[in-house]
Amino acid sequence: MDHLHAALLGLLLAAPAGTAAAGVAWLCGLPGDGTRLVCVADVDPAQDPPASAGPTTAVVNGTRFPLDAARVYTVELWSPPTDPDFVRLLARATICYRSPACQVTVAPGPWLAAR
């Protein structure tokens, strides 16, 4: 298991329960080379696997929003990021699109250190 998966698993286990009522919360991080953003839904592993996040609000290039919380999503960046605020905005726009109750947290790491 690489460092990103270990960090995301740690965040999942440490996150407070009860996010289902407010919508799906997503955790994203940049693995070693910083050229992709990997996002997973923050769900309680003790509960049943997440069902659909609700009714479809949009379909973009075949992808339905809100996203399926049971899947892992990867966004290719092509090069390491230089602007942490842009990475946070990209994560929110890509994962949530027009899903009003969606939340995204980007895990801290060397690529998101203040520059």
C-alpha atoms as a PDB file:
ATOM      1  CA  MET A   1       0.000   0.000   0.000  1.00  0.00           C
ATOM      2  CA  ASP A   2       1.531   3.312  -1.006  1.00  0.00           C
ATOM      3  CA  HIS A   3       1.635   6.389   1.207  1.00  0.00           C
ATOM      4  CA  LEU A   4      -1.427   8.038  -0.350  1.00  0.00           C
ATOM      5  CA  HIS A   5      -3.653   5.052   0.273  1.00  0.00           C
ATOM      6  CA  ALA A   6      -2.369   4.790   3.852  1.00  0.00           C
ATOM      7  CA  ALA A   7      -3.014   8.502   4.432  1.00  0.00           C
ATOM      8  CA  LEU A   8      -6.503   8.341   2.947  1.00  0.00           C
ATOM      9  CA  LEU A   9      -7.319   5.272   5.031  1.00  0.00           C
ATOM     10  CA  GLY A  10      -6.122   7.109   8.150  1.00  0.00           C
ATOM     11  CA  LEU A  11      -8.282  10.115   7.290  1.00  0.00           C
ATOM     12  CA  LEU A  12     -11.269   7.865   6.698  1.00  0.00           C
ATOM     13  CA  LEU A  13     -10.877   6.211  10.078  1.00  0.00           C
ATOM     14  CA  ALA A  14     -10.306   9.500  11.902  1.00  0.00           C
ATOM     15  CA  ALA A  15     -13.144  11.446  10.269  1.00  0.00           C
ATOM     16  CA  PRO A  16     -16.336  11.928  12.271  1.00  0.00           C
ATOM     17  CA  ALA A  17     -19.355   9.841  11.353  1.00  0.00           C
ATOM     18  CA  GLY A  18     -22.661  11.323  10.312  1.00  0.00           C
ATOM     19  CA  THR A  19     -21.738  12.929   7.007  1.00  0.00           C
ATOM     20  CA  ALA A  20     -24.459  11.059   5.108  1.00  0.00           C
ATOM     21  CA  ALA A  21     -27.186  13.489   6.169  1.00  0.00           C
ATOM     22  CA  ALA A  22     -25.211  16.434   4.808  1.00  0.00           C
ATOM     23  CA  GLY A  23     -24.275  14.690   1.545  1.00  0.00           C
ATOM     24  CA  VAL A  24     -21.157  12.859   0.517  1.00  0.00           C
ATOM     25  CA  ALA A  25     -17.813  14.109   1.763  1.00  0.00           C
ATOM     26  CA  TRP A  26     -14.782  13.233  -0.371  1.00  0.00           C
ATOM     27  CA  LEU A  27     -11.105  12.937   0.574  1.00  0.00           C
ATOM     28  CA  CYS A  28      -8.520  13.655  -2.112  1.00  0.00           C
ATOM     29  CA  GLY A  29      -4.750  13.452  -2.133  1.00  0.00           C
ATOM     30  CA  LEU A  30      -1.740  13.679  -4.429  1.00  0.00           C
ATOM     31  CA  PRO A  31       0.381  10.511  -4.545  1.00  0.00           C
ATOM     32  CA  GLY A  32       4.197  10.520  -4.739  1.00  0.00           C
ATOM     33  CA  ASP A  33       4.871  12.110  -8.124  1.00  0.00           C
ATOM     34  CA  GLY A  34       2.047  14.666  -7.758  1.00  0.00           C
ATOM     35  CA  THR A  35       0.700  14.144 -11.259  1.00  0.00           C
ATOM     36  CA  ARG A  36      -2.757  12.868 -10.305  1.00  0.00           C
ATOM     37  CA  LEU A  37      -5.438  13.576  -7.746  1.00  0.00           C
ATOM     38  CA  VAL A  38      -7.021  10.492  -6.147  1.00  0.00           C
ATOM     39  CA  CYS A  39     -10.388  10.871  -4.392  1.00  0.00           C
ATOM     40  CA  VAL A  40     -12.466   8.498  -2.245  1.00  0.00           C
ATOM     41  CA  ALA A  41     -15.760   9.009  -0.451  1.00  0.00           C
ATOM     42  CA  ASP A  42     -15.549   9.488   3.311  1.00  0.00           C
ATOM     43  CA  VAL A  43     -17.894   6.749   4.484  1.00  0.00           C
ATOM     44  CA  ASP A  44     -18.157   4.798   7.712  1.00  0.00           C
ATOM     45  CA  PRO A  45     -16.701   1.317   6.994  1.00  0.00           C
ATOM     46  CA  ALA A  46     -18.932  -0.179   9.713  1.00  0.00           C
ATOM     47  CA  GLN A  47     -22.059   0.734   7.749  1.00  0.00           C
ATOM     48  CA  ASP A  48     -23.360  -0.829   4.570  1.00  0.00           C
ATOM     49  CA  PRO A  49     -21.634   0.278   1.374  1.00  0.00           C
ATOM     50  CA  PRO A  50     -22.931   3.646   0.230  1.00  0.00           C
ATOM     51  CA  ALA A  51     -25.891   3.640  -2.075  1.00  0.00           C
ATOM     52  CA  SER A  52     -26.366   6.245  -4.742  1.00  0.00           C
ATOM     53  CA  ALA A  53     -25.639   9.732  -3.476  1.00  0.00           C
ATOM     54  CA  GLY A  54     -29.074  10.841  -4.576  1.00  0.00           C
ATOM     55  CA  PRO A  55     -30.888  11.702  -7.759  1.00  0.00           C
ATOM     56  CA  THR A  56     -28.760  12.574 -10.779  1.00  0.00           C
ATOM     57  CA  THR A  57     -28.268  16.329 -11.070  1.00  0.00           C
ATOM     58  CA  ALA A  58     -26.098  16.266 -14.211  1.00  0.00           C
ATOM     59  CA  VAL A  59     -24.413  13.970 -16.728  1.00  0.00           C
ATOM     60  CA  VAL A  60     -21.094  15.123 -18.193  1.00  0.00           C
ATOM     61  CA  ASN A  61     -19.406  12.975 -20.855  1.00  0.00           C
ATOM     62  CA  GLY A  62     -21.242   9.935 -19.495  1.00  0.00           C
ATOM     63  CA  THR A  63     -20.364  10.600 -15.834  1.00  0.00           C
ATOM     64  CA  ARG A  64     -23.374  11.018 -13.544  1.00  0.00           C
ATOM     65  CA  PHE A  65     -23.300  13.519 -10.693  1.00  0.00           C
ATOM     66  CA  PRO A  66     -23.398  13.121  -7.753  1.00  0.00           C
ATOM     67  CA  LEU A  67     -20.646  10.547  -8.152  1.00  0.00           C
ATOM     68  CA  ASP A  68     -20.906   6.941  -6.987  1.00  0.00           C
ATOM     69  CA  ALA A  69     -19.473   6.948  -3.449  1.00  0.00           C
ATOM     70  CA  ALA A  70     -18.376   3.317  -3.788  1.00  0.00           C
ATOM     71  CA  ARG A  71     -15.758   4.168  -6.435  1.00  0.00           C
ATOM     72  CA  VAL A  72     -12.308   5.747  -6.383  1.00  0.00           C
ATOM     73  CA  TYR A  73     -11.840   8.638  -8.819  1.00  0.00           C
ATOM     74  CA  THR A  74      -8.555   9.761 -10.350  1.00  0.00           C
ATOM     75  CA  VAL A  75      -7.908  13.103 -12.031  1.00  0.00           C
ATOM     76  CA  GLU A  76      -4.751  13.317 -14.160  1.00  0.00           C
ATOM     77  CA  LEU A  77      -2.827  16.568 -13.646  1.00  0.00           C
ATOM     78  CA  TRP A  78      -0.069  15.906 -16.246  1.00  0.00           C
ATOM     79  CA  SER A  79       2.492  17.756 -14.121  1.00  0.00           C
ATOM     80  CA  PRO A  80       3.058  18.427 -10.413  1.00  0.00           C
ATOM     81  CA  PRO A  81       0.912  21.295  -9.089  1.00  0.00           C
ATOM     82  CA  THR A  82       2.377  24.656  -8.149  1.00  0.00           C
ATOM     83  CA  ASP A  83      -0.759  26.314  -6.706  1.00  0.00           C
ATOM     84  CA  PRO A  84      -2.449  24.607  -3.707  1.00  0.00           C
ATOM     85  CA  ASP A  85      -5.592  26.740  -4.046  1.00  0.00           C
ATOM     86  CA  PHE A  86      -6.007  25.650  -7.660  1.00  0.00           C
ATOM     87  CA  VAL A  87      -5.713  21.982  -6.640  1.00  0.00           C
ATOM     88  CA  ARG A  88      -8.448  22.439  -4.026  1.00  0.00           C
ATOM     89  CA  LEU A  89     -10.678  24.221  -6.545  1.00  0.00           C
ATOM     90  CA  LEU A  90     -10.021  21.540  -9.180  1.00  0.00           C
ATOM     91  CA  ALA A  91     -10.871  18.772  -6.698  1.00  0.00           C
ATOM     92  CA  ARG A  92     -14.154  20.430  -5.730  1.00  0.00           C
ATOM     93  CA  ALA A  93     -15.157  21.219  -9.320  1.00  0.00           C
ATOM     94  CA  THR A  94     -14.264  17.751 -10.606  1.00  0.00           C
ATOM     95  CA  ILE A  95     -15.731  15.647  -7.798  1.00  0.00           C
ATOM     96  CA  CYS A  96     -18.780  17.728  -6.882  1.00  0.00           C
ATOM     97  CA  TYR A  97     -19.636  19.494 -10.144  1.00  0.00           C
ATOM     98  CA  ARG A  98     -23.182  20.765  -9.390  1.00  0.00           C
ATOM     99  CA  SER A  99     -23.946  18.514  -6.420  1.00  0.00           C
ATOM    100  CA  PRO A 100     -24.938  20.997  -3.681  1.00  0.00           C
ATOM    101  CA  ALA A 101     -24.360  18.767  -0.629  1.00  0.00           C
ATOM    102  CA  CYS A 102     -20.940  17.548  -1.796  1.00  0.00           C
ATOM    103  CA  GLN A 103     -17.797  18.421   0.170  1.00  0.00           C
ATOM    104  CA  VAL A 104     -14.134  17.838  -0.734  1.00  0.00           C
ATOM    105  CA  THR A 105     -11.122  17.840   1.577  1.00  0.00           C
ATOM    106  CA  VAL A 106      -7.657  17.696   0.042  1.00  0.00           C
ATOM    107  CA  ALA A 107      -5.135  15.889   2.227  1.00  0.00           C
ATOM    108  CA  PRO A 108      -2.067  17.919   3.137  1.00  0.00           C
ATOM    109  CA  GLY A 109       1.192  16.831   1.605  1.00  0.00           C
ATOM    110  CA  PRO A 110       4.461  18.028   0.113  1.00  0.00           C
ATOM    111  CA  TRP A 111       2.777  19.227  -3.103  1.00  0.00           C
ATOM    112  CA  LEU A 112       0.325  21.418  -1.176  1.00  0.00           C
ATOM    113  CA  ALA A 113       2.789  23.100   1.153  1.00  0.00           C
ATOM    114  CA  ALA A 114       2.613  26.880   1.106  1.00  0.00           C
ATOM    115  CA  ARG A 115       4.888  28.235  -1.592  1.00  0.00           C
END
